[in-house]
Amino acid sequence: MMNQGPHLIDVGTKWNEGNKLVQFGNDMIAQGRYNVNEGNKLISKGNIQITEGNKLIEQGKKLISESENDYRQRVNSVPPLEPAIPPVQPADSTEVFPLED
């Protein structure tokens, strides 16, 4: 019976070490869950920002399209300009111009 004393102390020590490891594992799991929750919050915020960015892109495309349409309407509504200098008529090839001294 005397030999069981030290054996029980050894078992108790391992039991305590095991409990510490289990508690540490539980703490790690809790920290991991917290990190996952925080990550999910960040993902949610990121998705909101992506949605807002896509809305801004669509608004920008609409403004560009409207601007192009306005430009085309202005360009098409202006009558073509008359040439500032009338076109030059080709000279008659038989015409001779005397040189002056």
PDB file of N, CA and C in Angstrom:
ATOM      1  N   MET A   1       0.807  -1.187   0.000  1.00  0.00           N
ATOM      2  CA  MET A   1       0.000   0.000   0.000  1.00  0.00           C
ATOM      3  C   MET A   1       0.857   1.261   0.000  1.00  0.00           C
ATOM      4  N   MET A   2       2.059   1.136   0.542  1.00  0.00           N
ATOM      5  CA  MET A   2       2.916   2.296   0.631  1.00  0.00           C
ATOM      6  C   MET A   2       3.345   2.759  -0.767  1.00  0.00           C
ATOM      7  N   ASN A   3       3.390   1.865  -1.734  1.00  0.00           N
ATOM      8  CA  ASN A   3       3.833   2.222  -3.070  1.00  0.00           C
ATOM      9  C   ASN A   3       2.786   3.044  -3.834  1.00  0.00           C
ATOM     10  N   GLN A   4       1.538   3.033  -3.372  1.00  0.00           N
ATOM     11  CA  GLN A   4       0.496   3.752  -4.104  1.00  0.00           C
ATOM     12  C   GLN A   4       0.540   5.252  -3.834  1.00  0.00           C
ATOM     13  N   GLY A   5       1.128   5.699  -2.761  1.00  0.00           N
ATOM     14  CA  GLY A   5       1.179   7.121  -2.429  1.00  0.00           C
ATOM     15  C   GLY A   5       1.847   7.959  -3.507  1.00  0.00           C
ATOM     16  N   PRO A   6       3.091   7.661  -3.812  1.00  0.00           N
ATOM     17  CA  PRO A   6       3.764   8.450  -4.852  1.00  0.00           C
ATOM     18  C   PRO A   6       3.064   8.315  -6.197  1.00  0.00           C
ATOM     19  N   HIS A   7       2.507   7.156  -6.480  1.00  0.00           N
ATOM     20  CA  HIS A   7       1.795   6.954  -7.740  1.00  0.00           C
ATOM     21  C   HIS A   7       0.580   7.865  -7.815  1.00  0.00           C
ATOM     22  N   LEU A   8      -0.160   8.032  -6.737  1.00  0.00           N
ATOM     23  CA  LEU A   8      -1.337   8.909  -6.733  1.00  0.00           C
ATOM     24  C   LEU A   8      -0.922  10.369  -6.890  1.00  0.00           C
ATOM     25  N   ILE A   9       0.195  10.747  -6.319  1.00  0.00           N
ATOM     26  CA  ILE A   9       0.680  12.126  -6.476  1.00  0.00           C
ATOM     27  C   ILE A   9       1.036  12.365  -7.935  1.00  0.00           C
ATOM     28  N   ASP A  10       1.683  11.401  -8.566  1.00  0.00           N
ATOM     29  CA  ASP A  10       2.048  11.519  -9.980  1.00  0.00           C
ATOM     30  C   ASP A  10       0.802  11.640 -10.848  1.00  0.00           C
ATOM     31  N   VAL A  11      -0.221  10.837 -10.528  1.00  0.00           N
ATOM     32  CA  VAL A  11      -1.481  10.896 -11.284  1.00  0.00           C
ATOM     33  C   VAL A  11      -2.137  12.252 -11.083  1.00  0.00           C
ATOM     34  N   GLY A  12      -2.121  12.754  -9.854  1.00  0.00           N
ATOM     35  CA  GLY A  12      -2.717  14.059  -9.574  1.00  0.00           C
ATOM     36  C   GLY A  12      -2.019  15.182 -10.312  1.00  0.00           C
ATOM     37  N   THR A  13      -0.704  15.102 -10.397  1.00  0.00           N
ATOM     38  CA  THR A  13       0.061  16.127 -11.112  1.00  0.00           C
ATOM     39  C   THR A  13      -0.295  16.111 -12.598  1.00  0.00           C
ATOM     40  N   LYS A  14      -0.346  14.908 -13.167  1.00  0.00           N
ATOM     41  CA  LYS A  14      -0.717  14.812 -14.590  1.00  0.00           C
ATOM     42  C   LYS A  14      -2.148  15.283 -14.807  1.00  0.00           C
ATOM     43  N   TRP A  15      -3.011  14.984 -13.836  1.00  0.00           N
ATOM     44  CA  TRP A  15      -4.412  15.404 -13.930  1.00  0.00           C
ATOM     45  C   TRP A  15      -4.470  16.941 -13.969  1.00  0.00           C
ATOM     46  N   ASN A  16      -3.732  17.596 -13.090  1.00  0.00           N
ATOM     47  CA  ASN A  16      -3.711  19.059 -13.059  1.00  0.00           C
ATOM     48  C   ASN A  16      -3.125  19.641 -14.348  1.00  0.00           C
ATOM     49  N   GLU A  17      -2.043  19.036 -14.842  1.00  0.00           N
ATOM     50  CA  GLU A  17      -1.455  19.495 -16.105  1.00  0.00           C
ATOM     51  C   GLU A  17      -2.447  19.323 -17.246  1.00  0.00           C
ATOM     52  N   GLY A  18      -3.177  18.202 -17.230  1.00  0.00           N
ATOM     53  CA  GLY A  18      -4.196  17.970 -18.267  1.00  0.00           C
ATOM     54  C   GLY A  18      -5.301  18.999 -18.200  1.00  0.00           C
ATOM     55  N   ASN A  19      -5.742  19.324 -16.964  1.00  0.00           N
ATOM     56  CA  ASN A  19      -6.789  20.333 -16.799  1.00  0.00           C
ATOM     57  C   ASN A  19      -6.322  21.698 -17.299  1.00  0.00           C
ATOM     58  N   LYS A  20      -5.057  22.034 -17.046  1.00  0.00           N
ATOM     59  CA  LYS A  20      -4.516  23.307 -17.525  1.00  0.00           C
ATOM     60  C   LYS A  20      -4.506  23.345 -19.049  1.00  0.00           C
ATOM     61  N   LEU A  21      -4.113  22.220 -19.634  1.00  0.00           N
ATOM     62  CA  LEU A  21      -4.088  22.166 -21.112  1.00  0.00           C
ATOM     63  C   LEU A  21      -5.493  22.263 -21.681  1.00  0.00           C
ATOM     64  N   VAL A  22      -6.454  21.584 -21.039  1.00  0.00           N
ATOM     65  CA  VAL A  22      -7.844  21.660 -21.505  1.00  0.00           C
ATOM     66  C   VAL A  22      -8.352  23.094 -21.391  1.00  0.00           C
ATOM     67  N   GLN A  23      -8.066  23.750 -20.261  1.00  0.00           N
ATOM     68  CA  GLN A  23      -8.492  25.140 -20.077  1.00  0.00           C
ATOM     69  C   GLN A  23      -7.845  26.051 -21.119  1.00  0.00           C
ATOM     70  N   PHE A  24      -6.541  25.818 -21.370  1.00  0.00           N
ATOM     71  CA  PHE A  24      -5.839  26.605 -22.385  1.00  0.00           C
ATOM     72  C   PHE A  24      -6.475  26.380 -23.757  1.00  0.00           C
ATOM     73  N   GLY A  25      -6.809  25.130 -24.052  1.00  0.00           N
ATOM     74  CA  GLY A  25      -7.480  24.821 -25.324  1.00  0.00           C
ATOM     75  C   GLY A  25      -8.824  25.528 -25.429  1.00  0.00           C
ATOM     76  N   ASN A  26      -9.581  25.528 -24.320  1.00  0.00           N
ATOM     77  CA  ASN A  26     -10.884  26.214 -24.324  1.00  0.00           C
ATOM     78  C   ASN A  26     -10.705  27.719 -24.537  1.00  0.00           C
ATOM     79  N   ASP A  27      -9.671  28.287 -23.913  1.00  0.00           N
ATOM     80  CA  ASP A  27      -9.387  29.711 -24.113  1.00  0.00           C
ATOM     81  C   ASP A  27      -9.031  30.002 -25.570  1.00  0.00           C
ATOM     82  N   MET A  28      -8.246  29.108 -26.157  1.00  0.00           N
ATOM     83  CA  MET A  28      -7.875  29.278 -27.567  1.00  0.00           C
ATOM     84  C   MET A  28      -9.111  29.216 -28.470  1.00  0.00           C
ATOM     85  N   ILE A  29     -10.001  28.282 -28.169  1.00  0.00           N
ATOM     86  CA  ILE A  29     -11.238  28.167 -28.956  1.00  0.00           C
ATOM     87  C   ILE A  29     -12.066  29.438 -28.810  1.00  0.00           C
ATOM     88  N   ALA A  30     -12.181  29.942 -27.570  1.00  0.00           N
ATOM     89  CA  ALA A  30     -12.949  31.177 -27.342  1.00  0.00           C
ATOM     90  C   ALA A  30     -12.323  32.339 -28.106  1.00  0.00           C
ATOM     91  N   GLN A  31     -10.990  32.429 -28.085  1.00  0.00           N
ATOM     92  CA  GLN A  31     -10.314  33.501 -28.818  1.00  0.00           C
ATOM     93  C   GLN A  31     -10.547  33.349 -30.320  1.00  0.00           C
ATOM     94  N   GLY A  32     -10.493  32.120 -30.786  1.00  0.00           N
ATOM     95  CA  GLY A  32     -10.754  31.872 -32.209  1.00  0.00           C
ATOM     96  C   GLY A  32     -12.164  32.274 -32.601  1.00  0.00           C
ATOM     97  N   ARG A  33     -13.134  31.958 -31.754  1.00  0.00           N
ATOM     98  CA  ARG A  33     -14.530  32.346 -32.050  1.00  0.00           C
ATOM     99  C   ARG A  33     -14.668  33.861 -32.073  1.00  0.00           C
ATOM    100  N   TYR A  34     -14.003  34.520 -31.116  1.00  0.00           N
ATOM    101  CA  TYR A  34     -14.029  35.982 -31.083  1.00  0.00           C
ATOM    102  C   TYR A  34     -13.430  36.541 -32.381  1.00  0.00           C
ATOM    103  N   ASN A  35     -12.291  35.974 -32.779  1.00  0.00           N
ATOM    104  CA  ASN A  35     -11.641  36.436 -34.010  1.00  0.00           C
ATOM    105  C   ASN A  35     -12.524  36.211 -35.232  1.00  0.00           C
ATOM    106  N   VAL A  36     -13.211  35.072 -35.262  1.00  0.00           N
ATOM    107  CA  VAL A  36     -14.119  34.791 -36.380  1.00  0.00           C
ATOM    108  C   VAL A  36     -15.251  35.812 -36.395  1.00  0.00           C
ATOM    109  N   ASN A  37     -15.802  36.114 -35.207  1.00  0.00           N
ATOM    110  CA  ASN A  37     -16.884  37.104 -35.145  1.00  0.00           C
ATOM    111  C   ASN A  37     -16.407  38.477 -35.598  1.00  0.00           C
ATOM    112  N   GLU A  38     -15.213  38.861 -35.141  1.00  0.00           N
ATOM    113  CA  GLU A  38     -14.652  40.144 -35.567  1.00  0.00           C
ATOM    114  C   GLU A  38     -14.399  40.137 -37.075  1.00  0.00           C
ATOM    115  N   GLY A  39     -13.895  39.017 -37.584  1.00  0.00           N
ATOM    116  CA  GLY A  39     -13.660  38.901 -39.028  1.00  0.00           C
ATOM    117  C   GLY A  39     -14.956  39.009 -39.817  1.00  0.00           C
ATOM    118  N   ASN A  40     -16.005  38.384 -39.302  1.00  0.00           N
ATOM    119  CA  ASN A  40     -17.298  38.467 -39.981  1.00  0.00           C
ATOM    120  C   ASN A  40     -17.824  39.895 -39.991  1.00  0.00           C
ATOM    121  N   LYS A  41     -17.596  40.628 -38.895  1.00  0.00           N
ATOM    122  CA  LYS A  41     -18.010  42.034 -38.868  1.00  0.00           C
ATOM    123  C   LYS A  41     -17.256  42.824 -39.930  1.00  0.00           C
ATOM    124  N   LEU A  42     -15.941  42.567 -40.037  1.00  0.00           N
ATOM    125  CA  LEU A  42     -15.143  43.275 -41.043  1.00  0.00           C
ATOM    126  C   LEU A  42     -15.583  42.913 -42.457  1.00  0.00           C
ATOM    127  N   ILE A  43     -15.897  41.640 -42.671  1.00  0.00           N
ATOM    128  CA  ILE A  43     -16.380  41.209 -43.994  1.00  0.00           C
ATOM    129  C   ILE A  43     -17.687  41.912 -44.322  1.00  0.00           C
ATOM    130  N   SER A  44     -18.564  42.006 -43.324  1.00  0.00           N
ATOM    131  CA  SER A  44     -19.844  42.679 -43.533  1.00  0.00           C
ATOM    132  C   SER A  44     -19.634  44.144 -43.897  1.00  0.00           C
ATOM    133  N   LYS A  45     -18.731  44.815 -43.155  1.00  0.00           N
ATOM    134  CA  LYS A  45     -18.426  46.213 -43.477  1.00  0.00           C
ATOM    135  C   LYS A  45     -17.839  46.319 -44.884  1.00  0.00           C
ATOM    136  N   GLY A  46     -16.953  45.374 -45.217  1.00  0.00           N
ATOM    137  CA  GLY A  46     -16.345  45.385 -46.549  1.00  0.00           C
ATOM    138  C   GLY A  46     -17.389  45.205 -47.645  1.00  0.00           C
ATOM    139  N   ASN A  47     -18.348  44.312 -47.407  1.00  0.00           N
ATOM    140  CA  ASN A  47     -19.401  44.096 -48.400  1.00  0.00           C
ATOM    141  C   ASN A  47     -20.248  45.352 -48.579  1.00  0.00           C
ATOM    142  N   ILE A  48     -20.516  46.058 -47.459  1.00  0.00           N
ATOM    143  CA  ILE A  48     -21.271  47.312 -47.558  1.00  0.00           C
ATOM    144  C   ILE A  48     -20.491  48.323 -48.392  1.00  0.00           C
ATOM    145  N   GLN A  49     -19.178  48.414 -48.152  1.00  0.00           N
ATOM    146  CA  GLN A  49     -18.360  49.359 -48.907  1.00  0.00           C
ATOM    147  C   GLN A  49     -18.297  48.977 -50.381  1.00  0.00           C
ATOM    148  N   ILE A  50     -18.237  47.685 -50.678  1.00  0.00           N
ATOM    149  CA  ILE A  50     -18.234  47.234 -52.076  1.00  0.00           C
ATOM    150  C   ILE A  50     -19.546  47.632 -52.747  1.00  0.00           C
ATOM    151  N   THR A  51     -20.666  47.430 -52.037  1.00  0.00           N
ATOM    152  CA  THR A  51     -21.978  47.796 -52.590  1.00  0.00           C
ATOM    153  C   THR A  51     -22.038  49.298 -52.854  1.00  0.00           C
ATOM    154  N   GLU A  52     -21.560  50.093 -51.895  1.00  0.00           N
ATOM    155  CA  GLU A  52     -21.556  51.551 -52.086  1.00  0.00           C
ATOM    156  C   GLU A  52     -20.656  51.936 -53.257  1.00  0.00           C
ATOM    157  N   GLY A  53     -19.508  51.266 -53.367  1.00  0.00           N
ATOM    158  CA  GLY A  53     -18.607  51.545 -54.485  1.00  0.00           C
ATOM    159  C   GLY A  53     -19.250  51.222 -55.821  1.00  0.00           C
ATOM    160  N   ASN A  54     -19.953  50.101 -55.888  1.00  0.00           N
ATOM    161  CA  ASN A  54     -20.641  49.728 -57.132  1.00  0.00           C
ATOM    162  C   ASN A  54     -21.718  50.747 -57.487  1.00  0.00           C
ATOM    163  N   LYS A  55     -22.419  51.270 -56.463  1.00  0.00           N
ATOM    164  CA  LYS A  55     -23.436  52.302 -56.719  1.00  0.00           C
ATOM    165  C   LYS A  55     -22.783  53.555 -57.291  1.00  0.00           C
ATOM    166  N   LEU A  56     -21.635  53.934 -56.716  1.00  0.00           N
ATOM    167  CA  LEU A  56     -20.940  55.122 -57.215  1.00  0.00           C
ATOM    168  C   LEU A  56     -20.452  54.915 -58.651  1.00  0.00           C
ATOM    169  N   ILE A  57     -19.975  53.711 -58.948  1.00  0.00           N
ATOM    170  CA  ILE A  57     -19.535  53.403 -60.313  1.00  0.00           C
ATOM    171  C   ILE A  57     -20.707  53.549 -61.282  1.00  0.00           C
ATOM    172  N   GLU A  58     -21.868  53.020 -60.894  1.00  0.00           N
ATOM    173  CA  GLU A  58     -23.052  53.119 -61.764  1.00  0.00           C
ATOM    174  C   GLU A  58     -23.455  54.581 -61.952  1.00  0.00           C
ATOM    175  N   GLN A  59     -23.405  55.382 -60.876  1.00  0.00           N
ATOM    176  CA  GLN A  59     -23.729  56.807 -61.001  1.00  0.00           C
ATOM    177  C   GLN A  59     -22.744  57.496 -61.932  1.00  0.00           C
ATOM    178  N   GLY A  60     -21.464  57.136 -61.803  1.00  0.00           N
ATOM    179  CA  GLY A  60     -20.453  57.720 -62.672  1.00  0.00           C
ATOM    180  C   GLY A  60     -20.684  57.367 -64.134  1.00  0.00           C
ATOM    181  N   LYS A  61     -21.006  56.098 -64.397  1.00  0.00           N
ATOM    182  CA  LYS A  61     -21.277  55.674 -65.773  1.00  0.00           C
ATOM    183  C   LYS A  61     -22.478  56.433 -66.342  1.00  0.00           C
ATOM    184  N   LYS A  62     -23.498  56.630 -65.498  1.00  0.00           N
ATOM    185  CA  LYS A  62     -24.701  57.345 -65.941  1.00  0.00           C
ATOM    186  C   LYS A  62     -24.345  58.790 -66.281  1.00  0.00           C
ATOM    187  N   LEU A  63     -23.529  59.431 -65.426  1.00  0.00           N
ATOM    188  CA  LEU A  63     -23.134  60.814 -65.696  1.00  0.00           C
ATOM    189  C   LEU A  63     -22.302  60.919 -66.971  1.00  0.00           C
ATOM    190  N   ILE A  64     -21.407  59.948 -67.189  1.00  0.00           N
ATOM    191  CA  ILE A  64     -20.598  59.957 -68.411  1.00  0.00           C
ATOM    192  C   ILE A  64     -21.505  59.814 -69.629  1.00  0.00           C
ATOM    193  N   SER A  65     -22.476  58.908 -69.555  1.00  0.00           N
ATOM    194  CA  SER A  65     -23.400  58.695 -70.668  1.00  0.00           C
ATOM    195  C   SER A  65     -24.210  59.959 -70.944  1.00  0.00           C
ATOM    196  N   GLU A  66     -24.712  60.580 -69.867  1.00  0.00           N
ATOM    197  CA  GLU A  66     -25.484  61.818 -70.041  1.00  0.00           C
ATOM    198  C   GLU A  66     -24.612  62.914 -70.643  1.00  0.00           C
ATOM    199  N   SER A  67     -23.365  62.988 -70.197  1.00  0.00           N
ATOM    200  CA  SER A  67     -22.442  63.995 -70.715  1.00  0.00           C
ATOM    201  C   SER A  67     -22.180  63.769 -72.205  1.00  0.00           C
ATOM    202  N   GLU A  68     -21.973  62.507 -72.581  1.00  0.00           N
ATOM    203  CA  GLU A  68     -21.749  62.196 -73.998  1.00  0.00           C
ATOM    204  C   GLU A  68     -22.973  62.559 -74.821  1.00  0.00           C
ATOM    205  N   ASN A  69     -24.169  62.256 -74.305  1.00  0.00           N
ATOM    206  CA  ASN A  69     -25.400  62.590 -75.028  1.00  0.00           C
ATOM    207  C   ASN A  69     -25.548  64.104 -75.170  1.00  0.00           C
ATOM    208  N   ASP A  70     -25.264  64.854 -74.087  1.00  0.00           N
ATOM    209  CA  ASP A  70     -25.340  66.312 -74.151  1.00  0.00           C
ATOM    210  C   ASP A  70     -24.361  66.854 -75.184  1.00  0.00           C
ATOM    211  N   TYR A  71     -23.145  66.309 -75.201  1.00  0.00           N
ATOM    212  CA  TYR A  71     -22.133  66.765 -76.148  1.00  0.00           C
ATOM    213  C   TYR A  71     -22.589  66.504 -77.584  1.00  0.00           C
ATOM    214  N   ARG A  72     -23.107  65.304 -77.827  1.00  0.00           N
ATOM    215  CA  ARG A  72     -23.572  64.970 -79.190  1.00  0.00           C
ATOM    216  C   ARG A  72     -24.704  65.886 -79.621  1.00  0.00           C
ATOM    217  N   GLN A  73     -25.617  66.179 -78.694  1.00  0.00           N
ATOM    218  CA  GLN A  73     -26.734  67.068 -79.042  1.00  0.00           C
ATOM    219  C   GLN A  73     -26.222  68.463 -79.386  1.00  0.00           C
ATOM    220  N   ARG A  74     -25.241  68.965 -78.605  1.00  0.00           N
ATOM    221  CA  ARG A  74     -24.698  70.292 -78.877  1.00  0.00           C
ATOM    222  C   ARG A  74     -23.962  70.305 -80.211  1.00  0.00           C
ATOM    223  N   VAL A  75     -23.185  69.274 -80.472  1.00  0.00           N
ATOM    224  CA  VAL A  75     -22.415  69.229 -81.720  1.00  0.00           C
ATOM    225  C   VAL A  75     -23.362  69.121 -82.912  1.00  0.00           C
ATOM    226  N   ASN A  76     -24.380  68.306 -82.782  1.00  0.00           N
ATOM    227  CA  ASN A  76     -25.302  68.115 -83.899  1.00  0.00           C
ATOM    228  C   ASN A  76     -26.232  69.306 -84.097  1.00  0.00           C
ATOM    229  N   SER A  77     -26.407  70.143 -83.086  1.00  0.00           N
ATOM    230  CA  SER A  77     -27.326  71.274 -83.223  1.00  0.00           C
ATOM    231  C   SER A  77     -26.643  72.503 -83.822  1.00  0.00           C
ATOM    232  N   VAL A  78     -25.309  72.492 -83.901  1.00  0.00           N
ATOM    233  CA  VAL A  78     -24.579  73.631 -84.469  1.00  0.00           C
ATOM    234  C   VAL A  78     -24.504  73.435 -85.972  1.00  0.00           C
ATOM    235  N   PRO A  79     -24.969  74.465 -86.743  1.00  0.00           N
ATOM    236  CA  PRO A  79     -24.872  74.316 -88.204  1.00  0.00           C
ATOM    237  C   PRO A  79     -23.406  74.307 -88.627  1.00  0.00           C
ATOM    238  N   PRO A  80     -23.110  73.607 -89.710  1.00  0.00           N
ATOM    239  CA  PRO A  80     -21.721  73.575 -90.165  1.00  0.00           C
ATOM    240  C   PRO A  80     -21.260  74.986 -90.539  1.00  0.00           C
ATOM    241  N   LEU A  81     -20.010  75.285 -90.252  1.00  0.00           N
ATOM    242  CA  LEU A  81     -19.459  76.604 -90.562  1.00  0.00           C
ATOM    243  C   LEU A  81     -19.149  76.703 -92.054  1.00  0.00           C
ATOM    244  N   GLU A  82     -19.372  77.933 -92.575  1.00  0.00           N
ATOM    245  CA  GLU A  82     -18.984  78.195 -93.964  1.00  0.00           C
ATOM    246  C   GLU A  82     -17.473  78.388 -93.976  1.00  0.00           C
ATOM    247  N   PRO A  83     -16.815  77.943 -95.025  1.00  0.00           N
ATOM    248  CA  PRO A  83     -15.368  78.146 -95.055  1.00  0.00           C
ATOM    249  C   PRO A  83     -15.041  79.642 -95.026  1.00  0.00           C
ATOM    250  N   ALA A  84     -14.042  80.031 -94.265  1.00  0.00           N
ATOM    251  CA  ALA A  84     -13.658  81.441 -94.150  1.00  0.00           C
ATOM    252  C   ALA A  84     -13.102  81.961 -95.472  1.00  0.00           C
ATOM    253  N   ILE A  85     -12.406  81.126 -96.213  1.00  0.00           N
ATOM    254  CA  ILE A  85     -11.846  81.512 -97.512  1.00  0.00           C
ATOM    255  C   ILE A  85     -12.534  80.664 -98.569  1.00  0.00           C
ATOM    256  N   PRO A  86     -13.084  81.314 -99.582  1.00  0.00           N
ATOM    257  CA  PRO A  86     -13.738  80.498-100.617  1.00  0.00           C
ATOM    258  C   PRO A  86     -12.719  79.584-101.295  1.00  0.00           C
ATOM    259  N   PRO A  87     -13.175  78.445-101.718  1.00  0.00           N
ATOM    260  CA  PRO A  87     -12.241  77.523-102.361  1.00  0.00           C
ATOM    261  C   PRO A  87     -11.638  78.143-103.622  1.00  0.00           C
ATOM    262  N   VAL A  88     -10.389  77.829-103.879  1.00  0.00           N
ATOM    263  CA  VAL A  88      -9.673  78.367-105.040  1.00  0.00           C
ATOM    264  C   VAL A  88     -10.058  77.547-106.261  1.00  0.00           C
ATOM    265  N   GLN A  89     -10.432  78.283-107.315  1.00  0.00           N
ATOM    266  CA  GLN A  89     -10.770  77.614-108.567  1.00  0.00           C
ATOM    267  C   GLN A  89      -9.471  77.352-109.327  1.00  0.00           C
ATOM    268  N   PRO A  90      -9.330  76.189-109.924  1.00  0.00           N
ATOM    269  CA  PRO A  90      -8.102  75.928-110.692  1.00  0.00           C
ATOM    270  C   PRO A  90      -8.002  76.898-111.882  1.00  0.00           C
ATOM    271  N   ALA A  91      -6.790  77.334-112.134  1.00  0.00           N
ATOM    272  CA  ALA A  91      -6.564  78.271-113.247  1.00  0.00           C
ATOM    273  C   ALA A  91      -6.691  77.545-114.574  1.00  0.00           C
ATOM    274  N   ASP A  92      -7.095  78.307-115.588  1.00  0.00           N
ATOM    275  CA  ASP A  92      -7.177  77.755-116.933  1.00  0.00           C
ATOM    276  C   ASP A  92      -5.740  77.548-117.429  1.00  0.00           C
ATOM    277  N   SER A  93      -5.439  76.371-117.870  1.00  0.00           N
ATOM    278  CA  SER A  93      -4.063  76.039-118.230  1.00  0.00           C
ATOM    279  C   SER A  93      -3.578  76.809-119.464  1.00  0.00           C
ATOM    280  N   THR A  94      -4.483  77.391-120.211  1.00  0.00           N
ATOM    281  CA  THR A  94      -4.058  78.130-121.403  1.00  0.00           C
ATOM    282  C   THR A  94      -3.777  79.585-121.085  1.00  0.00           C
ATOM    283  N   GLU A  95      -4.135  80.013-119.904  1.00  0.00           N
ATOM    284  CA  GLU A  95      -3.959  81.413-119.531  1.00  0.00           C
ATOM    285  C   GLU A  95      -2.468  81.676-119.234  1.00  0.00           C
ATOM    286  N   VAL A  96      -1.920  82.784-119.812  1.00  0.00           N
ATOM    287  CA  VAL A  96      -0.527  83.111-119.630  1.00  0.00           C
ATOM    288  C   VAL A  96      -0.458  84.468-118.943  1.00  0.00           C
ATOM    289  N   PHE A  97       0.383  84.549-117.931  1.00  0.00           N
ATOM    290  CA  PHE A  97       0.536  85.820-117.204  1.00  0.00           C
ATOM    291  C   PHE A  97       1.914  86.348-117.511  1.00  0.00           C
ATOM    292  N   PRO A  98       1.995  87.577-118.044  1.00  0.00           N
ATOM    293  CA  PRO A  98       3.322  88.126-118.357  1.00  0.00           C
ATOM    294  C   PRO A  98       4.090  88.452-117.077  1.00  0.00           C
ATOM    295  N   LEU A  99       5.399  88.288-117.148  1.00  0.00           N
ATOM    296  CA  LEU A  99       6.248  88.642-116.016  1.00  0.00           C
ATOM    297  C   LEU A  99       6.577  90.105-116.072  1.00  0.00           C
ATOM    298  N   GLU A 100       6.575  90.733-114.944  1.00  0.00           N
ATOM    299  CA  GLU A 100       6.920  92.168-114.894  1.00  0.00           C
ATOM    300  C   GLU A 100       8.380  92.318-114.509  1.00  0.00           C
ATOM    301  N   ASP A 101       9.001  93.394-115.108  1.00  0.00           N
ATOM    302  CA  ASP A 101      10.398  93.673-114.779  1.00  0.00           C
ATOM    303  C   ASP A 101      10.518  94.470-113.543  1.00  0.00           C
TER     304      ASP A 101
END
